[in-house]
Protein backbone atom coordinates (compact mmCIF):
# COMPACT_ATOMS: atom_id res chain seq x y z
CA UNK A 1 54.47 -68.94 -126.88
CA UNK A 2 52.08 -68.60 -124.14
CA UNK A 3 48.50 -68.16 -124.39
CA UNK A 4 48.28 -64.86 -123.04
CA UNK A 5 50.62 -63.45 -125.75
CA UNK A 6 48.43 -65.28 -128.36
CA UNK A 7 45.32 -63.52 -127.08
CA UNK A 8 47.16 -60.21 -126.85
CA UNK A 9 48.17 -60.51 -130.46
CA UNK A 10 44.60 -61.57 -131.64
CA UNK A 11 43.25 -58.77 -129.51
CA UNK A 12 45.65 -55.89 -131.31
CA UNK A 13 44.67 -57.53 -134.80
CA UNK A 14 41.07 -57.31 -134.41
CA UNK A 15 41.09 -53.62 -132.89
CA UNK A 16 43.64 -52.68 -135.89
CA UNK A 17 41.28 -54.44 -138.55
CA UNK A 18 38.01 -52.88 -136.96
CA UNK A 19 39.53 -49.32 -136.78
CA UNK A 20 40.51 -49.57 -140.61
CA UNK A 21 37.14 -51.01 -141.69
CA UNK A 22 35.27 -48.39 -139.85
CA UNK A 23 37.10 -45.81 -142.14
CA UNK A 24 35.72 -47.37 -145.25
CA UNK A 25 32.05 -46.49 -145.02
CA UNK A 26 30.15 -44.12 -142.81
CA UNK A 27 26.41 -44.19 -142.51
CA UNK A 28 24.66 -41.02 -143.78
CA UNK A 29 23.29 -38.69 -141.02
CA UNK A 30 19.73 -37.99 -142.10
CA UNK A 31 18.64 -34.28 -142.89
CA UNK A 32 22.14 -33.14 -143.73
CA UNK A 33 21.75 -33.16 -147.46
CA UNK A 34 18.52 -31.21 -147.37
CA UNK A 35 20.24 -28.31 -145.45
CA UNK A 36 22.85 -27.64 -147.89
CA UNK A 37 22.19 -25.99 -151.20
CA UNK A 38 21.94 -27.78 -154.23
CA UNK A 39 25.48 -28.35 -155.73
CA UNK A 40 26.45 -28.81 -159.46
CA UNK A 41 29.39 -30.73 -160.55
CA UNK A 42 31.97 -28.04 -159.82
CA UNK A 43 30.45 -26.87 -156.42
CA UNK A 44 27.96 -24.32 -155.29
CA UNK A 45 27.01 -21.94 -158.03
CA UNK A 46 28.26 -18.16 -156.85
CA UNK A 47 26.47 -15.05 -158.22
CA UNK A 48 28.47 -13.18 -160.59
CA UNK A 49 29.58 -9.67 -159.44
CA UNK A 50 28.84 -6.59 -161.83
CA UNK A 51 31.95 -4.57 -162.17
CA UNK A 52 31.36 -1.03 -163.05
CA UNK A 53 32.77 0.23 -166.37
CA UNK A 54 34.05 3.65 -167.06
CA UNK A 55 32.06 5.42 -169.71
CA UNK A 56 33.24 8.91 -169.26
CA UNK A 57 35.14 10.09 -172.27
CA UNK A 58 37.14 12.73 -170.53
CA UNK A 59 38.00 10.55 -167.64
CA UNK A 60 39.22 7.78 -170.22
CA UNK A 61 41.30 10.15 -172.13
CA UNK A 62 43.00 11.87 -169.20
CA UNK A 63 43.33 9.13 -166.56
CA UNK A 64 44.74 5.39 -166.49
CA UNK A 65 41.30 4.02 -165.37
CA UNK A 66 41.69 1.05 -163.01
CA UNK A 67 45.34 1.91 -161.97
CA UNK A 68 44.44 2.70 -158.37
CA UNK A 69 43.69 -0.55 -156.69
CA UNK A 70 42.76 0.98 -153.23
CA UNK A 71 39.20 2.10 -152.39
CA UNK A 72 40.38 5.70 -151.57
CA UNK A 73 42.66 7.56 -153.94
CA UNK A 74 42.99 8.73 -157.72
CA UNK A 75 43.88 6.97 -160.77
CA UNK A 76 47.06 7.90 -162.52
CA UNK A 77 46.79 11.00 -164.75
CA UNK A 78 48.11 10.45 -168.30
CA UNK A 79 51.22 12.59 -168.98
CA UNK A 80 52.38 14.26 -172.24
CA UNK A 81 54.42 12.14 -174.47
CA UNK A 82 57.40 14.07 -173.85
CA UNK A 83 57.57 13.41 -170.31
CA UNK A 84 58.04 9.52 -170.99
CA UNK A 85 61.34 7.86 -171.95
CA UNK A 86 62.36 7.35 -175.28
CA UNK A 87 62.64 3.62 -175.12
CA UNK A 88 59.17 3.28 -174.29
CA UNK A 89 57.88 4.19 -177.69
CA UNK A 90 60.30 1.63 -179.44
CA UNK A 91 59.17 -1.42 -177.61
CA UNK A 92 58.11 -4.29 -179.82
CA UNK A 93 54.35 -5.09 -179.02
CA UNK A 94 53.59 -7.28 -181.83
CA UNK A 95 54.08 -10.83 -182.54
CA UNK A 96 57.44 -12.26 -181.33
CA UNK A 97 60.30 -11.94 -184.00
CA UNK A 98 61.25 -15.10 -186.03
CA UNK A 99 64.62 -16.72 -184.87
CA UNK A 100 66.39 -15.29 -188.10
CA UNK A 101 65.87 -11.65 -187.14
CA UNK A 102 67.29 -12.01 -183.62
CA UNK A 103 70.70 -11.37 -183.08
CA UNK A 104 72.83 -14.42 -182.15
CA UNK A 105 74.82 -12.61 -179.41
CA UNK A 106 71.67 -11.96 -177.18
CA UNK A 107 70.41 -13.97 -174.35
CA UNK A 108 66.79 -13.78 -176.10
CA UNK A 109 68.13 -15.72 -179.01
CA UNK A 110 69.66 -18.53 -177.09
CA UNK A 111 66.60 -18.85 -174.79
CA UNK A 112 64.28 -19.01 -177.85
CA UNK A 113 66.72 -21.59 -179.47
CA UNK A 114 66.75 -23.68 -176.28
CA UNK A 115 63.08 -23.60 -176.20
CA UNK A 116 62.63 -24.80 -179.72
CA UNK A 117 65.00 -27.46 -179.11
CA UNK A 118 62.94 -28.67 -176.16
CA UNK A 119 59.77 -28.49 -178.02
CA UNK A 120 61.51 -30.58 -181.01
CA UNK A 121 62.62 -33.05 -178.57
CA UNK A 122 59.06 -33.40 -176.73
CA UNK A 123 57.47 -33.94 -180.21
CA UNK A 124 59.95 -36.65 -181.19
CA UNK A 125 59.44 -38.42 -177.96
CA UNK A 126 55.53 -38.57 -178.51
CA UNK A 127 56.07 -40.36 -181.83
CA UNK A 128 55.60 -44.08 -182.18
CA UNK A 129 58.94 -45.96 -182.10
CA UNK A 130 58.94 -48.80 -184.81
């Protein structure tokens, strides 16, 4: 190995180590912290926006308030019950039915059973092994 190759290796090693060590710490630039707003633990505090709430009773009864998301346009007007499909009034909106009340031939039953099995296996996996 020649002297030139040893010097070249040392030079490349030094430049690599110097460039890596330069990334560890940077000097603080004076005056940069005073220009920014004071930040909390989660970042700068943003002002909360007031959202207008509809208080007109006639409008609340006759329109679906908030259904029009564009700036221009009208909210959807509520129709009489006879114009809506019959299945809409038979939808289950309460708590989920227990597994015993579901029909075993439906996809919903088997998804619920699979979900319960996953929960049981995960619970058993967290227990201490003796």
